[in-house]
Protein backbone atom coordinates (compact mmCIF):
# COMPACT_ATOMS: atom_id res chain seq x y z
CA MET A 1 -74.36 23.96 -11.80
CA GLU A 2 -72.84 27.41 -11.73
CA ASN A 3 -69.93 26.14 -9.58
CA SER A 4 -69.00 23.25 -11.90
CA PRO A 5 -66.30 25.18 -13.86
CA ASN A 6 -64.62 26.19 -10.60
CA LYS A 7 -64.74 22.62 -9.35
CA THR A 8 -63.20 21.42 -12.61
CA VAL A 9 -60.37 23.98 -12.33
CA SER A 10 -59.72 22.96 -8.73
CA ILE A 11 -59.55 19.28 -9.65
CA ASN A 12 -57.17 20.02 -12.52
CA VAL A 13 -54.90 22.09 -10.26
CA PHE A 14 -54.88 19.27 -7.67
CA ILE A 15 -53.96 16.67 -10.27
CA LEU A 16 -51.19 18.88 -11.71
CA THR A 17 -49.77 19.53 -8.23
CA LEU A 18 -49.82 15.84 -7.37
CA SER A 19 -48.07 15.00 -10.65
CA LEU A 20 -45.31 17.54 -10.03
CA ILE A 21 -44.73 16.14 -6.53
CA LEU A 22 -44.51 12.60 -7.91
CA ILE A 23 -42.09 13.59 -10.69
CA SER A 24 -39.91 15.49 -8.21
CA SER A 25 -39.81 12.49 -5.88
CA ILE A 26 -38.77 10.16 -8.68
CA THR A 27 -36.05 12.58 -9.84
CA LEU A 28 -34.64 13.01 -6.33
CA SER A 29 -34.66 9.28 -5.81
CA PHE A 30 -32.74 8.77 -9.05
CA LEU A 31 -30.17 11.38 -8.13
CA ARG A 32 -29.59 9.83 -4.74
CA SER A 33 -29.12 6.40 -6.25
CA SER A 34 -26.67 7.72 -8.86
CA ARG A 35 -24.15 9.34 -6.56
CA SER A 36 -21.63 6.49 -6.36
CA PRO A 37 -18.57 7.42 -8.45
CA LEU A 38 -17.57 3.75 -8.77
CA PRO A 39 -20.67 1.67 -9.60
CA LEU A 40 -20.34 -1.78 -8.08
CA PRO A 41 -20.08 -4.77 -10.42
CA SER A 42 -23.32 -6.68 -10.68
CA ILE A 43 -21.69 -9.88 -9.45
CA THR A 44 -20.97 -8.34 -6.04
CA ARG A 45 -24.54 -7.17 -5.56
CA SER A 46 -25.79 -10.73 -5.78
CA LEU A 47 -23.67 -11.94 -2.86
CA ASP A 48 -26.00 -10.84 -0.10
CA LYS A 49 -29.27 -9.07 -0.77
CA THR A 50 -29.19 -7.44 2.66
CA CYS A 51 -25.69 -5.98 2.53
CA ASN A 52 -23.04 -4.72 0.16
CA VAL A 53 -19.78 -5.09 2.09
CA PHE A 54 -17.92 -2.89 -0.40
CA GLN A 55 -20.01 0.18 0.41
CA GLY A 56 -19.16 1.83 3.71
CA LYS A 57 -16.41 3.78 5.46
CA TRP A 58 -13.27 3.37 7.57
CA VAL A 59 -13.94 3.71 11.29
CA PRO A 60 -11.54 3.88 14.27
CA TYR A 61 -10.68 0.50 15.74
CA PRO A 62 -8.51 1.38 18.76
CA GLN A 63 -8.03 -2.20 19.95
CA GLY A 64 -6.16 -3.05 16.74
CA PRO A 65 -4.15 -4.51 15.23
CA PRO A 66 -6.31 -7.56 15.84
CA TYR A 67 -4.34 -10.25 14.07
CA TYR A 68 -0.52 -10.15 14.19
CA SER A 69 2.53 -7.94 14.58
CA ASN A 70 6.02 -7.88 13.11
CA GLU A 71 7.09 -9.83 16.17
CA THR A 72 4.44 -12.56 16.00
CA CYS A 73 4.71 -13.13 12.23
CA ARG A 74 8.21 -13.95 11.05
CA LEU A 75 7.10 -14.03 7.39
CA ILE A 76 6.97 -10.23 6.88
CA ILE A 77 9.58 -9.18 4.36
CA ASP A 78 11.66 -6.05 4.95
CA GLN A 79 9.96 -4.20 2.10
CA GLN A 80 6.74 -4.06 4.15
CA ASN A 81 8.05 -4.32 7.72
CA CYS A 82 7.32 -0.70 8.62
CA ILE A 83 7.54 -1.03 12.40
CA LYS A 84 10.87 -2.88 12.23
CA PHE A 85 12.38 0.04 10.32
CA GLY A 86 11.19 2.75 12.67
CA ARG A 87 7.76 3.97 11.66
CA PRO A 88 6.82 5.94 14.79
CA ASP A 89 3.03 6.07 14.45
CA THR A 90 0.67 3.10 14.83
CA GLU A 91 -2.67 4.73 14.04
CA PHE A 92 -2.65 3.26 10.51
CA MET A 93 -3.24 -0.17 12.10
CA LYS A 94 -6.23 0.98 14.14
CA TRP A 95 -8.96 1.38 11.54
CA ARG A 96 -11.47 -1.13 10.18
CA TRP A 97 -13.74 -1.12 7.16
CA LYS A 98 -17.40 -0.78 8.23
CA PRO A 99 -20.07 -1.55 5.60
CA ASP A 100 -23.09 0.75 5.75
CA ASP A 101 -25.71 -1.91 6.42
CA CYS A 102 -23.92 -4.79 8.15
CA GLU A 103 -20.59 -5.95 9.56
CA LEU A 104 -17.58 -7.30 7.68
CA PRO A 105 -16.53 -10.27 9.83
CA LEU A 106 -13.05 -10.33 11.27
CA PHE A 107 -10.65 -12.70 9.56
CA ASP A 108 -10.97 -16.17 11.08
CA ALA A 109 -7.85 -18.18 10.26
CA ALA A 110 -9.34 -21.46 11.47
CA HIS A 111 -12.40 -21.08 9.23
CA PHE A 112 -10.25 -20.09 6.27
CA LEU A 113 -8.06 -23.17 6.64
CA GLU A 114 -11.08 -25.46 6.93
CA ILE A 115 -12.55 -24.03 3.74
CA VAL A 116 -9.31 -24.59 1.82
CA ARG A 117 -8.54 -28.02 3.28
CA GLY A 118 -7.31 -30.18 0.41
CA LYS A 119 -7.36 -27.25 -1.99
CA SER A 120 -5.02 -24.69 -3.56
CA MET A 121 -4.94 -20.93 -4.14
CA ALA A 122 -2.86 -18.81 -6.51
CA PHE A 123 -2.23 -15.07 -6.54
CA VAL A 124 -1.51 -14.05 -10.13
CA GLY A 125 -0.18 -10.59 -10.93
CA ASP A 126 2.30 -8.01 -9.73
CA SER A 127 4.02 -7.32 -6.42
CA VAL A 128 0.92 -5.78 -4.84
CA GLY A 129 -0.83 -9.09 -5.37
CA ARG A 130 2.13 -10.79 -3.74
CA ASN A 131 1.81 -8.22 -0.93
CA GLN A 132 -1.75 -9.45 -0.34
CA MET A 133 -0.56 -13.06 -0.30
CA GLU A 134 2.07 -12.17 2.31
CA SER A 135 -0.66 -10.54 4.39
CA LEU A 136 -2.59 -13.81 4.14
CA LEU A 137 0.45 -15.78 5.32
CA CYS A 138 0.58 -13.65 8.46
CA LEU A 139 -3.17 -13.85 9.05
CA LEU A 140 -2.97 -17.66 8.89
CA ALA A 141 0.11 -17.78 11.12
CA HIS A 142 -2.19 -17.53 14.13
CA GLU A 143 -3.27 -21.10 13.32
CA ALA A 144 -0.50 -22.64 11.22
CA TYR A 145 2.88 -21.95 9.65
CA PRO A 146 3.52 -23.31 6.17
CA GLU A 147 6.52 -25.02 4.64
CA ASP A 148 8.26 -23.00 1.94
CA ILE A 149 8.30 -25.34 -1.07
CA THR A 150 9.27 -22.69 -3.61
CA GLN A 151 12.56 -24.37 -4.46
CA ASN A 152 10.61 -27.38 -5.75
CA SER A 153 8.99 -25.33 -8.51
CA SER A 154 11.03 -22.18 -9.14
CA ALA A 155 14.56 -20.89 -8.81
CA ASP A 156 13.35 -17.28 -8.42
CA LYS A 157 12.03 -16.97 -4.87
CA ASN A 158 11.54 -13.22 -5.15
CA TYR A 159 8.79 -13.55 -7.74
CA PHE A 160 7.46 -17.11 -7.68
CA GLN A 161 6.54 -18.57 -4.31
CA ARG A 162 4.78 -21.69 -3.04
CA TRP A 163 3.82 -22.54 0.51
CA PHE A 164 2.34 -25.79 1.81
CA TYR A 165 0.19 -26.25 4.92
CA ALA A 166 0.69 -29.96 5.61
CA ASP A 167 -2.02 -30.28 8.29
CA TYR A 168 -4.59 -28.96 5.80
CA ASN A 169 -3.09 -30.24 2.53
CA PHE A 170 -3.38 -26.65 1.30
CA THR A 171 -1.03 -25.02 -1.22
CA LEU A 172 -0.67 -21.25 -1.54
CA ALA A 173 1.23 -19.80 -4.49
CA ALA A 174 2.22 -16.47 -6.05
CA PHE A 175 2.86 -16.21 -9.79
CA TRP A 176 4.67 -13.05 -10.86
CA SER A 177 3.06 -11.65 -14.01
CA PRO A 178 2.89 -7.82 -13.97
CA PHE A 179 1.02 -7.62 -17.30
CA LEU A 180 -0.87 -10.95 -17.19
CA VAL A 181 0.18 -11.35 -20.83
CA LYS A 182 3.48 -12.33 -22.39
CA SER A 183 6.17 -9.66 -22.07
CA GLY A 184 9.83 -9.14 -22.89
CA ALA A 185 12.67 -7.44 -21.06
CA ALA A 186 13.07 -3.68 -21.36
CA ASP A 187 15.25 -2.56 -24.26
CA MET A 188 17.99 0.07 -24.08
CA ASN A 189 15.34 2.81 -24.18
CA GLY A 190 13.38 1.30 -21.32
CA LEU A 191 10.58 0.05 -23.59
CA ILE A 192 8.90 -3.23 -22.61
CA SER A 193 7.22 -5.34 -25.28
CA ILE A 194 3.90 -6.90 -24.28
CA TYR A 195 1.83 -9.29 -26.38
CA LEU A 196 -1.77 -8.41 -25.69
CA ASP A 197 -3.35 -11.57 -27.10
CA GLU A 198 -0.97 -14.10 -25.51
CA ALA A 199 -1.33 -15.05 -21.85
CA ASP A 200 1.85 -15.20 -19.82
CA GLU A 201 2.85 -18.86 -19.67
CA ALA A 202 4.39 -18.28 -16.24
CA TRP A 203 0.89 -18.57 -14.78
CA ALA A 204 -1.23 -19.91 -17.64
CA ASN A 205 0.62 -23.24 -17.65
CA GLU A 206 0.31 -23.60 -13.87
CA VAL A 207 -3.15 -22.59 -12.65
CA GLU A 208 -5.35 -25.23 -14.26
CA LYS A 209 -5.45 -27.34 -11.10
CA PHE A 210 -5.88 -24.45 -8.65
CA ASP A 211 -9.18 -24.03 -6.81
CA TYR A 212 -8.92 -20.26 -6.33
CA VAL A 213 -7.13 -17.81 -8.63
CA ILE A 214 -6.86 -14.18 -7.46
CA ILE A 215 -5.90 -11.85 -10.31
CA SER A 216 -4.61 -8.29 -9.89
CA VAL A 217 -2.26 -6.00 -11.81
CA GLY A 218 -1.93 -2.26 -12.29
CA GLN A 219 1.11 -0.08 -11.88
CA TRP A 220 3.27 -1.60 -14.65
CA PHE A 221 0.88 -0.29 -17.31
CA PHE A 222 2.09 3.26 -16.63
CA ARG A 223 5.54 2.37 -18.03
CA PRO A 224 6.82 2.90 -21.60
CA LEU A 225 5.39 -0.02 -23.55
CA LEU A 226 5.34 -1.55 -27.04
CA PHE A 227 2.11 -3.37 -27.90
CA TYR A 228 1.87 -6.49 -30.06
CA GLU A 229 -1.11 -8.43 -31.36
CA SER A 230 -0.79 -11.54 -33.54
CA SER A 231 2.98 -11.06 -33.09
CA ARG A 232 2.76 -7.73 -34.96
CA LEU A 233 3.65 -4.34 -33.47
CA ILE A 234 0.45 -2.28 -33.35
CA GLY A 235 1.49 0.72 -31.26
CA CYS A 236 3.04 2.00 -28.08
CA HIS A 237 2.61 3.98 -24.89
CA ILE A 238 5.16 6.73 -24.05
CA CYS A 239 7.62 5.47 -26.66
CA ASN A 240 8.26 8.89 -28.27
CA GLN A 241 8.74 7.37 -31.72
CA ASN A 242 7.02 9.10 -34.61
CA ASN A 243 6.81 5.98 -36.74
CA ILE A 244 4.81 4.03 -34.12
CA THR A 245 1.12 4.68 -33.43
CA SER A 246 0.35 5.91 -29.94
CA ILE A 247 -2.17 3.64 -28.21
CA SER A 248 -3.85 4.25 -24.86
CA LYS A 249 -2.68 2.30 -21.85
CA TYR A 250 -6.36 1.67 -21.11
CA TYR A 251 -6.67 -0.32 -24.33
CA ALA A 252 -3.68 -2.43 -23.32
CA TYR A 253 -5.10 -2.90 -19.82
CA ARG A 254 -8.45 -4.04 -21.23
CA MET A 255 -6.86 -6.49 -23.64
CA ALA A 256 -4.61 -7.95 -20.94
CA PHE A 257 -7.57 -8.74 -18.70
CA ARG A 258 -9.61 -10.00 -21.62
CA THR A 259 -6.81 -12.36 -22.60
CA ALA A 260 -6.36 -13.54 -19.01
CA PHE A 261 -10.06 -14.23 -18.49
CA GLU A 262 -10.43 -15.92 -21.88
CA THR A 263 -7.44 -18.10 -21.03
CA LEU A 264 -9.04 -19.22 -17.76
CA LEU A 265 -12.35 -19.84 -19.51
CA GLY A 266 -10.56 -21.97 -22.09
CA LEU A 267 -8.49 -24.17 -19.79
CA LYS A 268 -9.81 -27.70 -20.24
CA ASN A 269 -9.44 -28.87 -16.64
CA TYR A 270 -9.92 -25.58 -14.79
CA THR A 271 -12.86 -25.71 -12.39
CA GLY A 272 -11.72 -23.05 -9.93
CA THR A 273 -13.12 -19.72 -8.79
CA THR A 274 -11.51 -16.64 -10.34
CA ILE A 275 -11.43 -13.56 -8.12
CA LEU A 276 -10.56 -10.14 -9.52
CA ARG A 277 -9.10 -7.75 -6.97
CA THR A 278 -9.70 -4.37 -8.53
CA PHE A 279 -7.02 -1.78 -9.27
CA LEU A 280 -5.23 -0.13 -6.34
CA ALA A 281 -3.94 3.40 -6.96
CA SER A 282 -0.64 4.67 -5.60
CA HIS A 283 -0.55 7.60 -3.14
CA PHE A 284 2.51 9.62 -4.12
CA GLU A 285 2.25 13.30 -3.23
CA ASN A 286 4.66 16.18 -3.88
CA GLY A 287 6.07 14.44 -6.95
CA ASP A 288 6.30 11.11 -8.75
CA TRP A 289 8.03 8.10 -7.21
CA ASP A 290 11.36 9.09 -8.81
CA LYS A 291 10.97 12.85 -8.28
CA GLY A 292 10.74 13.22 -4.52
CA GLY A 293 7.22 11.88 -4.10
CA ASN A 294 6.17 10.54 -0.73
CA CYS A 295 3.13 9.53 1.31
CA GLY A 296 3.52 10.78 4.86
CA ARG A 297 -0.11 10.92 5.90
CA THR A 298 -1.02 9.17 9.14
CA ARG A 299 -4.82 9.06 8.83
CA PRO A 300 -7.31 7.91 6.16
CA PHE A 301 -8.85 10.34 3.73
CA THR A 302 -12.39 11.38 4.55
CA SER A 303 -14.95 10.62 1.84
CA ASN A 304 -14.80 14.19 0.52
CA GLU A 305 -11.17 15.01 1.20
CA MET A 306 -9.42 13.58 -1.86
CA LYS A 307 -11.26 12.15 -4.85
CA LEU A 308 -9.88 9.31 -6.92
CA GLN A 309 -8.29 10.64 -10.11
CA GLU A 310 -10.03 10.00 -13.40
CA PHE A 311 -7.26 7.82 -14.83
CA ASN A 312 -7.55 5.52 -11.82
CA ARG A 313 -11.30 5.32 -12.32
CA GLU A 314 -10.71 4.34 -15.94
CA PHE A 315 -8.49 1.42 -14.93
CA TYR A 316 -11.21 0.29 -12.54
CA SER A 317 -13.96 0.57 -15.16
CA VAL A 318 -12.00 -1.47 -17.69
CA GLN A 319 -11.55 -4.31 -15.21
CA VAL A 320 -15.21 -4.35 -14.21
CA GLU A 321 -16.42 -4.41 -17.81
CA GLU A 322 -14.14 -7.32 -18.69
CA VAL A 323 -14.95 -9.38 -15.61
CA ARG A 324 -18.67 -8.92 -16.24
CA LYS A 325 -18.21 -10.43 -19.72
CA ALA A 326 -16.18 -13.29 -18.28
CA GLU A 327 -18.80 -13.92 -15.61
CA GLU A 328 -21.54 -14.30 -18.23
CA LYS A 329 -19.45 -16.75 -20.23
CA GLY A 330 -18.44 -18.59 -17.07
CA LYS A 331 -22.06 -19.21 -16.07
CA LYS A 332 -22.56 -21.26 -19.23
CA ILE A 333 -19.73 -23.66 -18.42
CA GLY A 334 -19.91 -23.70 -14.62
CA LEU A 335 -17.03 -21.33 -13.79
CA ARG A 336 -17.39 -18.67 -11.09
CA PHE A 337 -16.00 -15.13 -11.27
CA GLU A 338 -16.03 -12.89 -8.19
CA VAL A 339 -14.76 -9.40 -7.35
CA ILE A 340 -12.97 -7.84 -4.40
CA ASN A 341 -14.11 -4.30 -5.14
CA ALA A 342 -11.28 -2.48 -3.39
CA THR A 343 -10.33 0.51 -5.57
CA GLU A 344 -12.14 3.30 -3.75
CA ILE A 345 -11.85 1.57 -0.37
CA MET A 346 -8.06 1.40 -0.49
CA TRP A 347 -7.77 4.83 -2.10
CA GLN A 348 -9.00 6.22 1.22
CA ARG A 349 -5.94 4.77 3.01
CA PRO A 350 -2.90 6.89 2.03
CA ASP A 351 -1.57 6.23 5.53
CA GLY A 352 -1.03 2.51 4.94
CA HIS A 353 2.18 2.52 2.85
CA PRO A 354 5.79 1.98 3.96
CA ASN A 355 6.80 5.43 2.66
CA GLY A 356 10.41 5.57 3.94
CA TYR A 357 9.95 2.78 6.50
CA GLY A 358 10.75 -0.22 4.35
CA ARG A 359 13.66 -1.63 2.40
CA SER A 360 14.18 -2.26 -1.30
CA MET A 361 14.00 -5.94 -2.23
CA HIS A 362 17.18 -5.59 -4.27
CA THR A 363 19.47 -3.15 -2.43
CA ASN A 364 18.33 -3.27 1.21
CA ALA A 365 18.22 0.53 1.10
CA PRO A 366 15.34 2.74 2.31
CA VAL A 367 12.88 3.61 -0.43
CA TYR A 368 9.82 5.85 -0.57
CA ASP A 369 7.17 3.28 -1.31
CA CYS A 370 3.61 4.53 -1.79
CA VAL A 371 2.46 1.53 -3.83
CA HIS A 372 2.87 -1.44 -1.50
CA TRP A 373 1.38 -1.72 1.98
CA CYS A 374 2.75 -2.09 5.50
CA LEU A 375 2.18 -5.39 7.30
CA PRO A 376 0.11 -5.37 9.38
CA GLY A 377 -2.08 -2.67 7.88
CA PRO A 378 -5.02 -1.86 5.58
CA ILE A 379 -4.11 -4.61 3.11
CA ASP A 380 -5.27 -7.18 5.68
CA THR A 381 -8.79 -5.96 4.88
CA LEU A 382 -8.48 -7.38 1.37
CA ASN A 383 -8.22 -10.83 2.90
CA GLU A 384 -11.25 -10.17 5.08
CA PHE A 385 -13.09 -9.57 1.81
CA LEU A 386 -11.52 -12.68 0.32
CA LEU A 387 -12.75 -14.90 3.14
CA TYR A 388 -16.19 -13.26 2.96
CA LEU A 389 -16.48 -14.23 -0.72
CA MET A 390 -15.20 -17.75 -0.10
CA LYS A 391 -17.75 -18.37 2.66
CA LYS A 392 -20.57 -17.78 0.19
CA GLN A 393 -19.62 -20.94 -1.69
CA VAL A 394 -19.22 -23.45 1.12
CA PRO A 395 -21.71 -25.51 3.15
CA ASP A 396 -22.89 -23.98 6.43
CA GLN A 397 -21.27 -26.68 8.50
CA ILE A 398 -17.80 -25.63 7.29
CA VAL A 399 -18.38 -21.93 7.92
């Protein structure tokens, strides 16, 4: 009985020690699970419980490029035809995205065309979205070349394009809409008016019958802008006018996506799948695009070499929040919303741009382009992701 107090103390010390170890373990586990600077949208986590294809790293792929070249694909436009205009290095074509816990399948043109047989796909957004569509044209060229039917639907081939794959009854289209919402031409001060609660009819009147709609915009929201809601001027971005309220570009970006998603949700006959391709940052260094900026790197960033700037993260976060809301509403009426979560992935590829090895669409002059992407190049990966998402929706016998 004399040893009972000592035994009690020993037991208490053991229990306290065990508790501290348990608390420390839980804390460390939480910290490890909270390291990702760009939390993945919930809708991408549900794709495959064994693998998140958007979490990984770029790895050398010396046998690349695996799909096409500027000689085998005659659909590459001069703006992105880096090898044609003398880019001396080819290392930028010899990397692949490697998910941490699985493999991202190579793009299979035959499988893609079987999935879309009798269907249609539209890329809605700015010229980077069109850049992705042009990558897709070259990826599919291994199996089939399309007929350019643009003249049947638009007089402006630079911004509105349609292609038809007769053997598959598949239509591929690009709708130019750099704000997703209605906009006007720039005034004498360079200000562009955008109407945040009115979808751009250039795409909104066209996509109702499309089976896949890929939405992506970004860089135009950095420009001087006037914002309207209910046809009333509510503010501006970089307008330098004291009598107009300054409003964040992030607010405008949020409202543009909200309006676009609400428009798709409200289309009476729309039964397609909407796919958001998240914001892609530019890679200008040593100055802005009009102040001597360039992007001469020839290798990817390492994970710790160059972090994504906060303003780019904010654009990403806005998109994810809005697509999550749209996804919840879509579930109730049978519409699917998916995400190509590419922001951080493509940020790691400053080597993939034309830089000075491309030509302006309008003047045929060299231009330092650190926004668009060389073909072939890293942008082909976006279509690997696209096919991965599409396969999740089709019967096994097609895939």
